Amino acid sequence: MRDVIIIGAGPAGLATALSLMLHAKKNGVSPEILIVDKNLSPWEKPCGGMILR
């Protein structure tokens, strides 16, 4: 597995990062995952607060 850059820290970007980490853990690898977003605090958006809870 290679290192990954995810553009966008909204629900889709966070779900992608979580899915990649779970897949990597299952296969015994540990990629570097970087999430890039144009906002300084993307998790303050009201639409994404309950996605990972």
PDB file of N, CA and C in Angstrom:
ATOM      1  N   MET A   1       0.845  -1.174   0.000  1.00  0.00           N
ATOM      2  CA  MET A   1       0.000   0.000   0.000  1.00  0.00           C
ATOM      3  C   MET A   1       0.892   1.240   0.000  1.00  0.00           C
ATOM      4  N   ARG A   2       0.417   2.284  -0.616  1.00  0.00           N
ATOM      5  CA  ARG A   2       1.186   3.516  -0.725  1.00  0.00           C
ATOM      6  C   ARG A   2       0.639   4.579   0.209  1.00  0.00           C
ATOM      7  N   ASP A   3       1.407   5.653   0.339  1.00  0.00           N
ATOM      8  CA  ASP A   3       0.924   6.787   1.107  1.00  0.00           C
ATOM      9  C   ASP A   3      -0.199   7.464   0.338  1.00  0.00           C
ATOM     10  N   VAL A   4      -1.120   8.108   1.074  1.00  0.00           N
ATOM     11  CA  VAL A   4      -2.337   8.642   0.473  1.00  0.00           C
ATOM     12  C   VAL A   4      -2.546  10.088   0.910  1.00  0.00           C
ATOM     13  N   ILE A   5      -2.972  10.928  -0.027  1.00  0.00           N
ATOM     14  CA  ILE A   5      -3.428  12.279   0.285  1.00  0.00           C
ATOM     15  C   ILE A   5      -4.899  12.341  -0.097  1.00  0.00           C
ATOM     16  N   ILE A   6      -5.739  12.733   0.846  1.00  0.00           N
ATOM     17  CA  ILE A   6      -7.172  12.874   0.608  1.00  0.00           C
ATOM     18  C   ILE A   6      -7.491  14.359   0.582  1.00  0.00           C
ATOM     19  N   ILE A   7      -8.115  14.808  -0.496  1.00  0.00           N
ATOM     20  CA  ILE A   7      -8.491  16.209  -0.637  1.00  0.00           C
ATOM     21  C   ILE A   7      -9.926  16.368  -0.156  1.00  0.00           C
ATOM     22  N   GLY A   8     -10.097  17.115   0.922  1.00  0.00           N
ATOM     23  CA  GLY A   8     -11.420  17.368   1.485  1.00  0.00           C
ATOM     24  C   GLY A   8     -11.637  16.594   2.771  1.00  0.00           C
ATOM     25  N   ALA A   9     -11.965  17.312   3.834  1.00  0.00           N
ATOM     26  CA  ALA A   9     -12.175  16.682   5.139  1.00  0.00           C
ATOM     27  C   ALA A   9     -13.650  16.636   5.513  1.00  0.00           C
ATOM     28  N   GLY A  10     -14.501  16.596   4.508  1.00  0.00           N
ATOM     29  CA  GLY A  10     -15.934  16.451   4.756  1.00  0.00           C
ATOM     30  C   GLY A  10     -16.268  14.996   5.027  1.00  0.00           C
ATOM     31  N   PRO A  11     -17.543  14.670   5.047  1.00  0.00           N
ATOM     32  CA  PRO A  11     -17.957  13.292   5.335  1.00  0.00           C
ATOM     33  C   PRO A  11     -17.325  12.256   4.403  1.00  0.00           C
ATOM     34  N   ALA A  12     -17.238  12.550   3.119  1.00  0.00           N
ATOM     35  CA  ALA A  12     -16.660  11.580   2.173  1.00  0.00           C
ATOM     36  C   ALA A  12     -15.164  11.401   2.405  1.00  0.00           C
ATOM     37  N   GLY A  13     -14.446  12.489   2.640  1.00  0.00           N
ATOM     38  CA  GLY A  13     -13.009  12.396   2.886  1.00  0.00           C
ATOM     39  C   GLY A  13     -12.693  11.644   4.165  1.00  0.00           C
ATOM     40  N   LEU A  14     -13.442  11.937   5.234  1.00  0.00           N
ATOM     41  CA  LEU A  14     -13.218  11.242   6.501  1.00  0.00           C
ATOM     42  C   LEU A  14     -13.581   9.768   6.408  1.00  0.00           C
ATOM     43  N   ALA A  15     -14.670   9.464   5.713  1.00  0.00           N
ATOM     44  CA  ALA A  15     -15.056   8.060   5.530  1.00  0.00           C
ATOM     45  C   ALA A  15     -14.011   7.311   4.708  1.00  0.00           C
ATOM     46  N   THR A  16     -13.442   7.982   3.716  1.00  0.00           N
ATOM     47  CA  THR A  16     -12.386   7.370   2.907  1.00  0.00           C
ATOM     48  C   THR A  16     -11.163   7.070   3.758  1.00  0.00           C
ATOM     49  N   ALA A  17     -10.756   8.025   4.588  1.00  0.00           N
ATOM     50  CA  ALA A  17      -9.597   7.823   5.461  1.00  0.00           C
ATOM     51  C   ALA A  17      -9.840   6.673   6.433  1.00  0.00           C
ATOM     52  N   LEU A  18     -11.018   6.634   7.025  1.00  0.00           N
ATOM     53  CA  LEU A  18     -11.348   5.557   7.956  1.00  0.00           C
ATOM     54  C   LEU A  18     -11.335   4.204   7.255  1.00  0.00           C
ATOM     55  N   SER A  19     -11.923   4.140   6.070  1.00  0.00           N
ATOM     56  CA  SER A  19     -11.955   2.894   5.310  1.00  0.00           C
ATOM     57  C   SER A  19     -10.545   2.429   4.948  1.00  0.00           C
ATOM     58  N   LEU A  20      -9.707   3.363   4.517  1.00  0.00           N
ATOM     59  CA  LEU A  20      -8.323   3.012   4.182  1.00  0.00           C
ATOM     60  C   LEU A  20      -7.567   2.490   5.396  1.00  0.00           C
ATOM     61  N   MET A  21      -7.745   3.133   6.548  1.00  0.00           N
ATOM     62  CA  MET A  21      -7.038   2.694   7.748  1.00  0.00           C
ATOM     63  C   MET A  21      -7.502   1.304   8.193  1.00  0.00           C
ATOM     64  N   LEU A  22      -8.805   1.057   8.122  1.00  0.00           N
ATOM     65  CA  LEU A  22      -9.308  -0.268   8.498  1.00  0.00           C
ATOM     66  C   LEU A  22      -8.791  -1.346   7.547  1.00  0.00           C
ATOM     67  N   HIS A  23      -8.778  -1.041   6.254  1.00  0.00           N
ATOM     68  CA  HIS A  23      -8.262  -1.987   5.259  1.00  0.00           C
ATOM     69  C   HIS A  23      -6.769  -2.230   5.478  1.00  0.00           C
ATOM     70  N   ALA A  24      -6.030  -1.166   5.751  1.00  0.00           N
ATOM     71  CA  ALA A  24      -4.590  -1.294   5.973  1.00  0.00           C
ATOM     72  C   ALA A  24      -4.304  -2.131   7.217  1.00  0.00           C
ATOM     73  N   LYS A  25      -5.037  -1.866   8.299  1.00  0.00           N
ATOM     74  CA  LYS A  25      -4.833  -2.622   9.536  1.00  0.00           C
ATOM     75  C   LYS A  25      -5.117  -4.106   9.318  1.00  0.00           C
ATOM     76  N   LYS A  26      -6.177  -4.394   8.566  1.00  0.00           N
ATOM     77  CA  LYS A  26      -6.548  -5.783   8.274  1.00  0.00           C
ATOM     78  C   LYS A  26      -5.446  -6.499   7.500  1.00  0.00           C
ATOM     79  N   ASN A  27      -4.717  -5.758   6.660  1.00  0.00           N
ATOM     80  CA  ASN A  27      -3.677  -6.347   5.822  1.00  0.00           C
ATOM     81  C   ASN A  27      -2.268  -6.152   6.368  1.00  0.00           C
ATOM     82  N   GLY A  28      -2.161  -5.633   7.587  1.00  0.00           N
ATOM     83  CA  GLY A  28      -0.864  -5.520   8.235  1.00  0.00           C
ATOM     84  C   GLY A  28       0.058  -4.452   7.678  1.00  0.00           C
ATOM     85  N   VAL A  29      -0.503  -3.417   7.110  1.00  0.00           N
ATOM     86  CA  VAL A  29       0.316  -2.313   6.606  1.00  0.00           C
ATOM     87  C   VAL A  29      -0.098  -1.025   7.311  1.00  0.00           C
ATOM     88  N   SER A  30       0.781  -0.036   7.277  1.00  0.00           N
ATOM     89  CA  SER A  30       0.465   1.237   7.931  1.00  0.00           C
ATOM     90  C   SER A  30       0.873   2.400   7.028  1.00  0.00           C
ATOM     91  N   PRO A  31      -0.020   2.785   6.125  1.00  0.00           N
ATOM     92  CA  PRO A  31       0.290   3.897   5.224  1.00  0.00           C
ATOM     93  C   PRO A  31       0.190   5.236   5.948  1.00  0.00           C
ATOM     94  N   GLU A  32       0.860   6.223   5.412  1.00  0.00           N
ATOM     95  CA  GLU A  32       0.691   7.592   5.883  1.00  0.00           C
ATOM     96  C   GLU A  32      -0.507   8.162   5.139  1.00  0.00           C
ATOM     97  N   ILE A  33      -1.475   8.700   5.861  1.00  0.00           N
ATOM     98  CA  ILE A  33      -2.658   9.298   5.247  1.00  0.00           C
ATOM     99  C   ILE A  33      -2.724  10.759   5.669  1.00  0.00           C
ATOM    100  N   LEU A  34      -2.764  11.638   4.693  1.00  0.00           N
ATOM    101  CA  LEU A  34      -2.857  13.076   4.932  1.00  0.00           C
ATOM    102  C   LEU A  34      -4.183  13.567   4.384  1.00  0.00           C
ATOM    103  N   ILE A  35      -4.950  14.271   5.223  1.00  0.00           N
ATOM    104  CA  ILE A  35      -6.213  14.865   4.785  1.00  0.00           C
ATOM    105  C   ILE A  35      -6.001  16.366   4.659  1.00  0.00           C
ATOM    106  N   VAL A  36      -6.286  16.908   3.480  1.00  0.00           N
ATOM    107  CA  VAL A  36      -6.104  18.335   3.208  1.00  0.00           C
ATOM    108  C   VAL A  36      -7.467  18.956   2.958  1.00  0.00           C
ATOM    109  N   ASP A  37      -7.729  20.087   3.631  1.00  0.00           N
ATOM    110  CA  ASP A  37      -8.998  20.785   3.445  1.00  0.00           C
ATOM    111  C   ASP A  37      -8.723  22.279   3.384  1.00  0.00           C
ATOM    112  N   LYS A  38      -9.550  23.013   2.667  1.00  0.00           N
ATOM    113  CA  LYS A  38      -9.340  24.452   2.535  1.00  0.00           C
ATOM    114  C   LYS A  38      -9.669  25.204   3.818  1.00  0.00           C
ATOM    115  N   ASN A  39     -10.482  24.629   4.691  1.00  0.00           N
ATOM    116  CA  ASN A  39     -10.836  25.263   5.961  1.00  0.00           C
ATOM    117  C   ASN A  39      -9.847  24.867   7.044  1.00  0.00           C
ATOM    118  N   LEU A  40      -9.642  25.736   8.011  1.00  0.00           N
ATOM    119  CA  LEU A  40      -8.733  25.426   9.105  1.00  0.00           C
ATOM    120  C   LEU A  40      -9.303  24.372  10.046  1.00  0.00           C
ATOM    121  N   SER A  41     -10.596  24.389  10.282  1.00  0.00           N
ATOM    122  CA  SER A  41     -11.241  23.442  11.194  1.00  0.00           C
ATOM    123  C   SER A  41     -12.430  22.777  10.510  1.00  0.00           C
ATOM    124  N   PRO A  42     -12.199  21.847   9.618  1.00  0.00           N
ATOM    125  CA  PRO A  42     -13.302  21.258   8.856  1.00  0.00           C
ATOM    126  C   PRO A  42     -14.305  20.494   9.709  1.00  0.00           C
ATOM    127  N   TRP A  43     -13.913  20.008  10.877  1.00  0.00           N
ATOM    128  CA  TRP A  43     -14.823  19.212  11.680  1.00  0.00           C
ATOM    129  C   TRP A  43     -15.878  20.047  12.397  1.00  0.00           C
ATOM    130  N   GLU A  44     -15.847  21.385  12.283  1.00  0.00           N
ATOM    131  CA  GLU A  44     -16.871  22.228  12.888  1.00  0.00           C
ATOM    132  C   GLU A  44     -18.101  22.363  11.996  1.00  0.00           C
ATOM    133  N   LYS A  45     -18.062  21.772  10.811  1.00  0.00           N
ATOM    134  CA  LYS A  45     -19.222  21.832   9.929  1.00  0.00           C
ATOM    135  C   LYS A  45     -20.361  21.025  10.545  1.00  0.00           C
ATOM    136  N   PRO A  46     -21.576  21.564  10.557  1.00  0.00           N
ATOM    137  CA  PRO A  46     -22.681  20.841  11.188  1.00  0.00           C
ATOM    138  C   PRO A  46     -23.044  19.527  10.508  1.00  0.00           C
ATOM    139  N   CYS A  47     -22.721  19.361   9.229  1.00  0.00           N
ATOM    140  CA  CYS A  47     -23.130  18.145   8.521  1.00  0.00           C
ATOM    141  C   CYS A  47     -22.267  16.942   8.858  1.00  0.00           C
ATOM    142  N   GLY A  48     -21.054  17.136   9.356  1.00  0.00           N
ATOM    143  CA  GLY A  48     -20.152  16.010   9.566  1.00  0.00           C
ATOM    144  C   GLY A  48     -20.004  15.558  11.001  1.00  0.00           C
ATOM    145  N   GLY A  49     -20.703  16.178  11.921  1.00  0.00           N
ATOM    146  CA  GLY A  49     -20.513  15.880  13.330  1.00  0.00           C
ATOM    147  C   GLY A  49     -20.896  14.476  13.757  1.00  0.00           C
ATOM    148  N   MET A  50     -21.878  13.887  13.144  1.00  0.00           N
ATOM    149  CA  MET A  50     -22.356  12.578  13.581  1.00  0.00           C
ATOM    150  C   MET A  50     -21.851  11.430  12.721  1.00  0.00           C
ATOM    151  N   ILE A  51     -21.066  11.706  11.710  1.00  0.00           N
ATOM    152  CA  ILE A  51     -20.623  10.661  10.788  1.00  0.00           C
ATOM    153  C   ILE A  51     -19.807   9.582  11.500  1.00  0.00           C
ATOM    154  N   LEU A  52     -18.864   9.971  12.354  1.00  0.00           N
ATOM    155  CA  LEU A  52     -17.963   9.002  12.961  1.00  0.00           C
ATOM    156  C   LEU A  52     -18.350   8.627  14.386  1.00  0.00           C
ATOM    157  N   ARG A  53     -19.502   9.067  14.856  1.00  0.00           N
ATOM    158  CA  ARG A  53     -19.928   8.730  16.223  1.00  0.00           C
ATOM    159  C   ARG A  53     -20.787   7.500  16.238  1.00  0.00           C
TER     160      ARG A  53
END
